[in-house]
Protein backbone atom coordinates (compact mmCIF):
# COMPACT_ATOMS: atom_id res chain seq x y z
CA MET A 1 20.83 13.24 0.28
CA LYS A 2 20.61 15.06 3.57
CA LYS A 3 19.10 13.69 6.74
CA HIS A 4 16.65 16.04 8.37
CA HIS A 5 14.91 15.37 11.69
CA GLY A 6 15.35 11.63 11.12
CA ALA A 7 13.68 11.74 7.71
CA PHE A 8 15.42 11.44 4.37
CA ILE A 9 14.62 14.49 2.25
CA LYS A 10 15.14 14.02 -1.48
CA ASN A 11 16.06 16.70 -3.98
CA GLU A 12 14.41 17.03 -7.40
CA ARG A 13 17.01 14.90 -9.15
CA GLU A 14 16.61 12.09 -6.63
CA ILE A 15 12.83 12.24 -6.88
CA ALA A 16 13.17 12.07 -10.69
CA SER A 17 15.15 8.83 -10.34
CA LEU A 18 12.57 7.48 -7.91
CA ARG A 19 9.80 8.45 -10.32
CA GLU A 20 11.47 6.53 -13.15
CA ALA A 21 12.17 3.49 -10.95
CA ASN A 22 8.52 3.41 -9.94
CA ARG A 23 7.31 3.89 -13.53
CA LEU A 24 9.22 0.76 -14.50
CA VAL A 25 7.77 -1.16 -11.55
CA ALA A 26 4.26 -0.05 -12.51
CA ASN A 27 4.83 -1.13 -16.13
CA ILE A 28 5.95 -4.56 -14.90
CA LEU A 29 2.89 -4.82 -12.65
CA ASP A 30 0.64 -3.94 -15.61
CA ALA A 31 2.16 -6.80 -17.60
CA VAL A 32 1.94 -9.22 -14.67
CA GLY A 33 -1.69 -8.32 -14.16
CA ASP A 34 -2.41 -8.99 -17.82
CA MET A 35 -1.04 -12.51 -17.34
CA VAL A 36 -3.00 -13.34 -14.17
CA ALA A 37 -5.60 -15.98 -15.08
CA PRO A 38 -6.76 -19.44 -14.03
CA GLY A 39 -4.19 -22.07 -15.02
CA VAL A 40 -1.12 -19.82 -14.84
CA PRO A 41 1.72 -20.98 -12.54
CA THR A 42 2.91 -18.10 -10.38
CA MET A 43 6.49 -18.78 -11.49
CA ARG A 44 5.51 -17.55 -14.96
CA LEU A 45 4.80 -14.16 -13.41
CA GLU A 46 8.30 -14.20 -11.89
CA GLU A 47 9.84 -15.07 -15.26
CA LEU A 48 7.94 -12.24 -16.94
CA ALA A 49 9.08 -9.73 -14.31
CA ARG A 50 12.72 -10.82 -14.53
CA GLY A 51 12.63 -10.63 -18.32
CA MET A 52 11.24 -7.09 -18.18
CA CYS A 53 13.94 -6.08 -15.69
CA ASP A 54 16.53 -7.39 -18.15
CA GLY A 55 14.87 -5.41 -20.92
CA TYR A 56 14.89 -2.23 -18.82
CA LYS A 57 18.47 -2.97 -17.69
CA VAL A 58 17.48 -2.64 -14.05
CA LYS A 59 18.02 -4.90 -11.06
CA PRO A 60 15.06 -6.47 -9.23
CA ALA A 61 15.17 -4.82 -5.80
CA PHE A 62 13.88 -7.81 -3.83
CA LEU A 63 16.11 -10.48 -5.39
CA GLY A 64 18.76 -11.25 -2.79
CA TYR A 65 17.46 -8.64 -0.34
CA GLN A 66 18.19 -10.14 3.10
CA GLY A 67 18.39 -13.45 1.25
CA TYR A 68 14.98 -13.24 -0.46
CA PRO A 69 15.25 -15.61 -3.47
CA PHE A 70 12.90 -14.02 -6.04
CA ALA A 71 12.16 -10.79 -7.90
CA LEU A 72 8.47 -10.88 -7.00
CA CYS A 73 6.57 -11.41 -3.80
CA CYS A 74 3.60 -13.47 -4.97
CA SER A 75 0.99 -14.00 -2.25
CA VAL A 76 -2.17 -16.03 -2.95
CA ASN A 77 -5.38 -15.98 -0.89
CA GLU A 78 -4.49 -16.25 2.82
CA GLN A 79 -0.88 -15.31 2.06
CA VAL A 80 -0.53 -11.68 3.13
CA VAL A 81 2.95 -10.73 1.89
CA HIS A 82 6.33 -12.23 0.90
CA GLY A 83 4.91 -15.33 -0.77
CA PHE A 84 7.21 -17.21 -3.14
CA PRO A 85 6.50 -17.64 -6.86
CA SER A 86 6.33 -21.37 -7.54
CA ALA A 87 4.78 -24.11 -9.65
CA ARG A 88 1.48 -23.35 -7.90
CA VAL A 89 -1.21 -22.84 -10.49
CA LEU A 90 -3.68 -20.00 -10.02
CA LYS A 91 -7.28 -21.17 -9.78
CA GLU A 92 -10.64 -19.55 -10.46
CA GLY A 93 -11.68 -17.67 -7.34
CA ASP A 94 -8.14 -17.05 -6.04
CA ILE A 95 -6.80 -13.59 -5.41
CA VAL A 96 -3.10 -12.90 -5.91
CA SER A 97 -1.04 -10.02 -4.52
CA ILE A 98 2.15 -9.08 -6.35
CA ASP A 99 4.77 -6.82 -4.73
CA MET A 100 7.61 -5.68 -7.00
CA GLY A 101 10.64 -3.44 -6.78
CA VAL A 102 13.49 -2.36 -9.04
CA VAL A 103 16.69 -0.37 -8.56
CA PHE A 104 17.21 2.43 -11.11
CA GLU A 105 20.22 4.77 -10.86
CA GLY A 106 20.67 3.65 -7.26
CA PHE A 107 17.06 4.36 -6.24
CA VAL A 108 14.32 1.89 -5.41
CA GLY A 109 10.83 1.72 -6.91
CA ASP A 110 8.30 -0.26 -4.86
CA SER A 111 4.63 -0.98 -5.55
CA ALA A 112 2.06 -3.76 -5.08
CA ARG A 113 -1.37 -4.72 -6.36
CA THR A 114 -3.88 -7.51 -5.86
CA TRP A 115 -5.83 -9.11 -8.70
CA PRO A 116 -8.78 -11.49 -8.91
CA VAL A 117 -8.18 -14.78 -10.71
CA GLY A 118 -11.22 -15.21 -12.93
CA THR A 119 -14.47 -14.68 -11.03
CA VAL A 120 -14.07 -14.28 -7.28
CA SER A 121 -16.52 -14.22 -4.37
CA ASP A 122 -18.31 -11.02 -3.44
CA THR A 123 -16.30 -10.94 -0.22
CA ALA A 124 -12.97 -11.22 -2.06
CA ALA A 125 -14.02 -8.53 -4.53
CA LYS A 126 -15.03 -6.22 -1.68
CA LEU A 127 -11.78 -6.94 0.16
CA MET A 128 -9.72 -5.86 -2.85
CA ARG A 129 -11.84 -2.78 -3.44
CA ILE A 130 -11.68 -1.63 0.19
CA THR A 131 -7.93 -2.30 0.38
CA GLU A 132 -7.21 -0.31 -2.77
CA GLU A 133 -9.51 2.52 -1.72
CA SER A 134 -7.90 2.60 1.75
CA LEU A 135 -4.55 3.15 0.05
CA TYR A 136 -5.90 6.28 -1.63
CA ARG A 137 -7.43 7.44 1.65
CA GLY A 138 -3.96 7.15 3.16
CA ILE A 139 -2.28 8.90 0.24
CA GLU A 140 -4.66 11.84 0.66
CA LYS A 141 -3.14 12.41 4.12
CA ALA A 142 0.46 12.32 2.78
CA ARG A 143 0.93 16.07 2.98
CA ALA A 144 3.58 18.27 4.58
CA GLY A 145 2.59 19.24 8.09
CA ASN A 146 0.47 16.14 8.72
CA ASP A 147 1.58 13.52 11.21
CA VAL A 148 2.80 10.31 9.58
CA TYR A 149 0.24 8.49 11.73
CA ASP A 150 -2.61 10.46 10.10
CA ILE A 151 -2.06 8.14 7.11
CA GLY A 152 -2.63 4.98 9.13
CA ALA A 153 -5.56 6.45 11.03
CA SER A 154 -7.33 7.23 7.76
CA ILE A 155 -6.66 3.71 6.42
CA GLN A 156 -7.78 1.98 9.62
CA GLU A 157 -10.97 4.00 9.94
CA TYR A 158 -12.03 3.25 6.38
CA VAL A 159 -11.14 -0.45 6.53
CA GLU A 160 -12.78 -1.18 9.86
CA ALA A 161 -15.94 0.70 8.87
CA ALA A 162 -16.19 -1.75 5.96
CA GLY A 163 -15.89 -4.74 8.32
CA PHE A 164 -12.30 -5.73 7.53
CA ASN A 165 -9.08 -5.63 9.58
CA VAL A 166 -5.62 -4.08 9.23
CA VAL A 167 -2.48 -6.22 9.59
CA ARG A 168 -0.27 -4.74 12.33
CA ARG A 169 2.90 -6.78 11.87
CA PHE A 170 3.97 -5.12 8.62
CA VAL A 171 4.03 -1.42 7.81
CA GLY A 172 4.90 0.98 5.02
CA HIS A 173 8.20 2.85 4.99
CA GLY A 174 10.32 5.58 3.57
CA VAL A 175 11.95 4.63 0.28
CA GLY A 176 14.98 5.99 -1.55
CA ALA A 177 18.49 4.66 -2.05
CA LYS A 178 17.42 1.93 0.37
CA MET A 179 14.21 -0.04 0.15
CA HIS A 180 13.32 0.56 3.79
CA GLU A 181 14.09 3.99 5.20
CA LYS A 182 12.57 6.05 7.98
CA PRO A 183 9.84 6.78 8.76
CA GLU A 184 7.74 3.66 9.26
CA ILE A 185 4.19 4.14 7.94
CA PRO A 186 1.72 2.03 9.95
CA ASN A 187 -1.66 1.31 8.37
CA PHE A 188 -3.32 1.93 11.73
CA ARG A 189 -3.13 4.60 14.43
CA PRO A 190 -0.51 3.54 17.00
CA GLY A 191 -2.00 5.83 19.65
CA MET A 192 0.84 8.37 19.85
CA ARG A 193 2.37 11.19 17.88
CA GLY A 194 4.65 10.31 15.00
CA MET A 195 6.96 12.18 12.67
CA THR A 196 5.73 15.32 10.89
CA LEU A 197 5.67 14.83 7.12
CA GLN A 198 7.85 17.22 5.13
CA ASN A 199 8.17 18.13 1.48
CA GLY A 200 10.83 16.00 -0.20
CA MET A 201 10.05 12.84 1.73
CA VAL A 202 9.22 9.75 -0.35
CA ILE A 203 7.21 7.03 1.34
CA ALA A 204 5.72 3.66 0.40
CA ILE A 205 2.17 3.35 1.71
CA GLU A 206 0.97 -0.26 1.67
CA PRO A 207 -2.18 -1.37 3.47
CA MET A 208 -2.44 -5.13 4.04
CA ILE A 209 -6.06 -5.94 4.86
CA THR A 210 -7.77 -9.14 5.99
CA VAL A 211 -11.28 -10.55 5.86
CA GLY A 212 -10.90 -12.05 9.33
CA GLY A 213 -8.50 -11.36 12.18
CA HIS A 214 -5.38 -9.25 11.66
CA GLU A 215 -3.00 -11.80 13.21
CA VAL A 216 -0.42 -13.36 10.90
CA LYS A 217 2.23 -16.06 11.15
CA ILE A 218 5.35 -16.82 9.13
CA LEU A 219 5.61 -20.16 7.33
CA ASP A 220 8.59 -22.52 7.51
CA ASP A 221 10.20 -20.83 4.47
CA ASN A 222 10.88 -17.93 6.89
CA TRP A 223 9.28 -15.45 4.50
CA THR A 224 5.65 -16.16 3.61
CA ALA A 225 3.23 -14.43 5.98
CA VAL A 226 -0.28 -15.92 6.17
CA THR A 227 -3.39 -15.02 8.13
CA CYS A 228 -3.68 -17.13 11.26
CA ASP A 229 -7.33 -17.89 10.53
CA GLY A 230 -6.74 -18.81 6.87
CA GLN A 231 -8.99 -16.06 5.51
CA TYR A 232 -8.09 -13.95 2.49
CA ALA A 233 -5.82 -10.89 2.61
CA ALA A 234 -5.18 -8.16 0.02
CA HIS A 235 -2.29 -5.72 -0.45
CA PHE A 236 -1.94 -2.51 -2.46
CA GLU A 237 1.07 -0.18 -2.39
CA HIS A 238 2.21 3.05 -4.02
CA SER A 239 5.40 5.03 -3.58
CA VAL A 240 4.45 8.65 -2.95
CA ALA A 241 6.44 11.90 -2.86
CA ILE A 242 5.42 14.63 -0.42
CA THR A 243 5.42 17.85 -2.47
CA PRO A 244 4.23 21.45 -2.02
CA ALA A 245 1.44 20.62 -4.48
CA GLY A 246 0.34 17.63 -2.39
CA PRO A 247 1.04 13.91 -2.62
CA GLU A 248 2.49 12.73 -5.93
CA ILE A 249 2.05 9.03 -6.70
CA LEU A 250 5.30 7.92 -8.32
CA SER A 251 4.31 4.34 -9.20
CA VAL A 252 2.33 5.28 -12.30
CA SER A 253 2.77 3.20 -15.46
CA ASP A 254 2.73 4.29 -19.07
CA ARG A 255 -0.98 3.38 -19.06
CA GLY A 256 -1.56 5.99 -16.38
CA LEU A 257 -2.95 5.54 -12.89
CA VAL A 258 -5.51 2.75 -13.10
CA ARG A 259 -7.90 2.02 -10.24
CA HIS A 260 -8.26 -1.74 -10.43
CA CYS A 261 -11.20 -2.21 -8.12
CA SER A 262 -13.41 0.78 -8.79
CA GLU A 263 -17.04 0.36 -7.90
């Protein structure tokens, strides 16, 4: 893997491994989503994901990463990212974001989705829909020759026009043999020029969007990020390869690419 202008450029074999890693992640997320329902403890989602990793003979990418103790990040309601699976039982009206990664042949797959638990409020439903759609707006800008910050500008414009806000504290990232590589992919426009996207780059685009303010704080577990105002947040993420034919979403399951919150 050669380093080129600060960006990691992958060859076709490496992208093939990343594609397979992300397919497995997407399959696990499909199964997790099928299990999301009122009355389900979030730890059951963790157990399902770990069992599927065992079945695929892959390692959960998050487990042990910088000391993180689980395979899933499981963030409910005002939890933005990095929530712990636990005995907490999902309730009607909750929303739950699941972020998942695996390591396959030394390469990391990384993807996230947010699901409604039973029937949710109109605001929560709109939040999920806008967050997911903003991800695709960002992906559309993931083309060689564009500035990396064009992705965040597209996300921010769409989200704020809908009346929601973009979390600034966490950003997307390059992904490859490491979970977090250059470049960083903000979900907003930082107000400067960034790196020029090039074919062969693989990036994880992951808008984290809030109903209220964009400020977050970290709980005493040193991981779970929550909105400061206690309002709901949603999170969607795809790993995307920059190719001559345009952006290729790698985190596609055997069911295909499913838009969860289509209008």
